[in-house]
N, C-alpha and C. Protein backbone atom coordinates (compact mmCIF):
# COMPACT_ATOMS: atom_id res chain seq x y z
N MET A 1 25.66 -3.07 50.38
CA MET A 1 26.35 -2.88 49.12
C MET A 1 25.69 -3.66 48.00
N LYS A 2 25.07 -4.79 48.37
CA LYS A 2 24.46 -5.59 47.32
C LYS A 2 23.31 -4.84 46.66
N GLY A 3 22.57 -4.07 47.43
CA GLY A 3 21.46 -3.32 46.87
C GLY A 3 21.93 -2.32 45.83
N GLY A 4 23.04 -1.65 46.09
CA GLY A 4 23.59 -0.67 45.15
C GLY A 4 24.10 -1.33 43.88
N GLU A 5 24.70 -2.52 44.05
CA GLU A 5 25.21 -3.24 42.88
C GLU A 5 24.05 -3.71 42.00
N THR A 6 23.01 -4.18 42.64
CA THR A 6 21.84 -4.65 41.90
C THR A 6 21.17 -3.48 41.19
N MET A 7 21.10 -2.35 41.87
CA MET A 7 20.49 -1.18 41.26
C MET A 7 21.32 -0.71 40.07
N GLY A 8 22.63 -0.75 40.20
CA GLY A 8 23.51 -0.37 39.10
C GLY A 8 23.38 -1.32 37.93
N ALA A 9 23.28 -2.62 38.24
CA ALA A 9 23.11 -3.61 37.18
C ALA A 9 21.75 -3.44 36.51
N ASP A 10 20.73 -3.15 37.31
CA ASP A 10 19.41 -2.92 36.74
C ASP A 10 19.41 -1.68 35.84
N PHE A 11 20.10 -0.66 36.28
CA PHE A 11 20.19 0.56 35.49
C PHE A 11 20.90 0.29 34.17
N LEU A 12 22.02 -0.44 34.22
CA LEU A 12 22.75 -0.76 32.99
C LEU A 12 21.92 -1.66 32.08
N SER A 13 21.19 -2.57 32.68
CA SER A 13 20.31 -3.44 31.90
C SER A 13 19.21 -2.62 31.23
N LEU A 14 18.62 -1.71 31.97
CA LEU A 14 17.59 -0.82 31.43
C LEU A 14 18.17 0.03 30.31
N LEU A 15 19.36 0.56 30.53
CA LEU A 15 20.02 1.39 29.54
C LEU A 15 20.29 0.59 28.26
N GLY A 16 20.83 -0.58 28.41
CA GLY A 16 21.17 -1.41 27.25
C GLY A 16 19.96 -1.95 26.52
N ASN A 17 18.91 -2.27 27.24
CA ASN A 17 17.75 -2.90 26.62
C ASN A 17 16.74 -1.91 26.05
N TYR A 18 16.66 -0.71 26.61
CA TYR A 18 15.61 0.22 26.18
C TYR A 18 16.13 1.56 25.68
N VAL A 19 17.00 2.19 26.42
CA VAL A 19 17.42 3.55 26.07
C VAL A 19 18.25 3.56 24.79
N PHE A 20 19.25 2.70 24.70
CA PHE A 20 20.10 2.69 23.52
C PHE A 20 19.30 2.42 22.24
N PRO A 21 18.42 1.40 22.21
CA PRO A 21 17.65 1.18 20.98
C PRO A 21 16.77 2.38 20.59
N VAL A 22 16.19 3.03 21.58
CA VAL A 22 15.34 4.20 21.28
C VAL A 22 16.18 5.33 20.71
N VAL A 23 17.34 5.59 21.33
CA VAL A 23 18.22 6.65 20.84
C VAL A 23 18.74 6.31 19.45
N ALA A 24 19.12 5.06 19.24
CA ALA A 24 19.61 4.64 17.92
C ALA A 24 18.50 4.78 16.87
N CYS A 25 17.30 4.42 17.22
CA CYS A 25 16.17 4.54 16.30
C CYS A 25 15.92 6.01 15.96
N CYS A 26 15.99 6.88 16.93
CA CYS A 26 15.80 8.32 16.69
C CYS A 26 16.90 8.86 15.79
N ALA A 27 18.14 8.42 16.03
CA ALA A 27 19.26 8.87 15.19
C ALA A 27 19.08 8.39 13.75
N MET A 28 18.65 7.16 13.58
CA MET A 28 18.42 6.64 12.23
C MET A 28 17.26 7.38 11.55
N ALA A 29 16.22 7.70 12.30
CA ALA A 29 15.09 8.45 11.74
C ALA A 29 15.55 9.83 11.28
N TYR A 30 16.40 10.48 12.07
CA TYR A 30 16.93 11.78 11.68
C TYR A 30 17.75 11.65 10.40
N PHE A 31 18.58 10.61 10.32
CA PHE A 31 19.41 10.40 9.14
C PHE A 31 18.54 10.18 7.90
N VAL A 32 17.49 9.39 8.03
CA VAL A 32 16.59 9.14 6.90
C VAL A 32 15.91 10.43 6.47
N LYS A 33 15.45 11.23 7.43
CA LYS A 33 14.81 12.50 7.10
C LYS A 33 15.81 13.44 6.40
N TYR A 34 17.03 13.48 6.90
CA TYR A 34 18.07 14.33 6.30
C TYR A 34 18.33 13.90 4.86
N MET A 35 18.48 12.62 4.63
CA MET A 35 18.73 12.12 3.28
C MET A 35 17.53 12.38 2.37
N TYR A 36 16.33 12.21 2.90
CA TYR A 36 15.10 12.46 2.13
C TYR A 36 15.04 13.93 1.71
N ASP A 37 15.35 14.83 2.64
CA ASP A 37 15.34 16.27 2.33
C ASP A 37 16.40 16.61 1.27
N GLN A 38 17.59 16.02 1.41
CA GLN A 38 18.66 16.27 0.44
C GLN A 38 18.26 15.76 -0.95
N THR A 39 17.66 14.59 -0.99
CA THR A 39 17.23 14.02 -2.26
C THR A 39 16.15 14.88 -2.90
N ASN A 40 15.20 15.34 -2.10
CA ASN A 40 14.15 16.22 -2.64
C ASN A 40 14.73 17.51 -3.19
N LYS A 41 15.73 18.05 -2.51
CA LYS A 41 16.37 19.29 -2.99
C LYS A 41 17.04 19.04 -4.34
N ARG A 42 17.74 17.91 -4.45
CA ARG A 42 18.40 17.59 -5.73
C ARG A 42 17.36 17.40 -6.84
N ILE A 43 16.28 16.72 -6.52
CA ILE A 43 15.24 16.50 -7.52
C ILE A 43 14.61 17.82 -7.94
N ASP A 44 14.37 18.72 -7.00
CA ASP A 44 13.82 20.03 -7.34
C ASP A 44 14.77 20.80 -8.26
N ASP A 45 16.07 20.73 -7.98
CA ASP A 45 17.06 21.39 -8.83
C ASP A 45 17.05 20.79 -10.23
N LEU A 46 16.99 19.46 -10.31
CA LEU A 46 16.97 18.80 -11.61
C LEU A 46 15.68 19.12 -12.37
N ASN A 47 14.57 19.20 -11.68
CA ASN A 47 13.31 19.56 -12.33
C ASN A 47 13.36 20.97 -12.90
N ALA A 48 13.95 21.89 -12.16
CA ALA A 48 14.07 23.27 -12.65
C ALA A 48 14.98 23.31 -13.88
N GLN A 49 16.08 22.55 -13.83
CA GLN A 49 16.99 22.50 -14.97
C GLN A 49 16.29 21.87 -16.18
N HIS A 50 15.53 20.83 -15.96
CA HIS A 50 14.81 20.17 -17.04
C HIS A 50 13.76 21.11 -17.65
N LYS A 51 13.09 21.87 -16.81
CA LYS A 51 12.09 22.81 -17.31
C LYS A 51 12.76 23.84 -18.21
N ASP A 52 13.92 24.34 -17.81
CA ASP A 52 14.64 25.30 -18.65
C ASP A 52 15.03 24.68 -19.99
N GLU A 53 15.48 23.42 -19.96
CA GLU A 53 15.86 22.74 -21.20
C GLU A 53 14.65 22.56 -22.12
N VAL A 54 13.52 22.15 -21.55
CA VAL A 54 12.31 21.95 -22.35
C VAL A 54 11.82 23.28 -22.92
N ASP A 55 11.87 24.33 -22.14
CA ASP A 55 11.48 25.65 -22.64
C ASP A 55 12.37 26.08 -23.81
N ASN A 56 13.67 25.84 -23.66
CA ASN A 56 14.63 26.18 -24.71
C ASN A 56 14.34 25.36 -25.97
N LEU A 57 14.08 24.07 -25.81
CA LEU A 57 13.77 23.22 -26.97
C LEU A 57 12.46 23.64 -27.63
N SER A 58 11.49 24.06 -26.85
CA SER A 58 10.22 24.53 -27.41
C SER A 58 10.45 25.77 -28.26
N THR A 59 11.30 26.66 -27.81
CA THR A 59 11.63 27.87 -28.58
C THR A 59 12.33 27.50 -29.87
N VAL A 60 13.27 26.56 -29.80
CA VAL A 60 13.99 26.13 -31.00
C VAL A 60 13.04 25.49 -32.00
N ILE A 61 12.15 24.64 -31.53
CA ILE A 61 11.18 23.99 -32.42
C ILE A 61 10.26 25.02 -33.05
N SER A 62 9.82 26.00 -32.27
CA SER A 62 8.97 27.06 -32.80
C SER A 62 9.70 27.85 -33.88
N ASN A 63 10.96 28.18 -33.63
CA ASN A 63 11.76 28.91 -34.62
C ASN A 63 11.96 28.07 -35.88
N ASN A 64 12.19 26.78 -35.72
CA ASN A 64 12.36 25.91 -36.89
C ASN A 64 11.06 25.80 -37.68
N THR A 65 9.94 25.77 -36.99
CA THR A 65 8.65 25.71 -37.67
C THR A 65 8.43 26.96 -38.51
N VAL A 66 8.76 28.10 -37.97
CA VAL A 66 8.63 29.37 -38.72
C VAL A 66 9.55 29.35 -39.93
N ALA A 67 10.77 28.88 -39.75
CA ALA A 67 11.72 28.82 -40.88
C ALA A 67 11.21 27.87 -41.96
N LEU A 68 10.68 26.72 -41.57
CA LEU A 68 10.16 25.77 -42.55
C LEU A 68 8.95 26.33 -43.29
N GLU A 69 8.11 27.05 -42.58
CA GLU A 69 6.95 27.68 -43.23
C GLU A 69 7.40 28.71 -44.27
N LYS A 70 8.42 29.48 -43.92
CA LYS A 70 8.95 30.48 -44.87
C LYS A 70 9.57 29.78 -46.08
N MET A 71 10.32 28.69 -45.84
CA MET A 71 10.92 27.96 -46.95
C MET A 71 9.83 27.35 -47.84
N ASN A 72 8.79 26.82 -47.22
CA ASN A 72 7.69 26.23 -47.98
C ASN A 72 7.01 27.28 -48.85
N THR A 73 6.79 28.45 -48.28
CA THR A 73 6.17 29.54 -49.03
C THR A 73 7.07 29.94 -50.20
N LEU A 74 8.37 30.03 -49.97
CA LEU A 74 9.31 30.40 -51.02
C LEU A 74 9.33 29.34 -52.12
N ILE A 75 9.32 28.07 -51.77
CA ILE A 75 9.33 26.99 -52.76
C ILE A 75 8.05 27.01 -53.59
N GLU A 76 6.92 27.27 -52.93
CA GLU A 76 5.64 27.35 -53.65
C GLU A 76 5.67 28.52 -54.64
N ARG A 77 6.22 29.65 -54.25
CA ARG A 77 6.28 30.81 -55.14
C ARG A 77 7.22 30.55 -56.32
N LEU A 78 8.34 29.87 -56.05
CA LEU A 78 9.28 29.57 -57.12
C LEU A 78 8.73 28.52 -58.07
N GLY A 79 7.88 27.64 -57.55
CA GLY A 79 7.31 26.58 -58.38
C GLY A 79 6.25 27.08 -59.32
N LYS A 80 5.68 28.22 -59.07
CA LYS A 80 4.59 28.76 -59.92
C LYS A 80 5.12 29.51 -61.08
């Protein structure tokens, strides 16, 4: 019976000292990868939203430039 008890204790010692830390490390690695993927997805969404905003602002600035050019031309004609 002593041999079986020693083997059981050795197994539990092996489990506690090696298997659990490896499994815990793998679980933490999976969690980090999951969080990294989620963060990248959010950043990609924000980048797409920012690109749309910048494109919209570029259009507004272009339209304002055209309006200012027309006003400048009108002021020059009225000044003559």
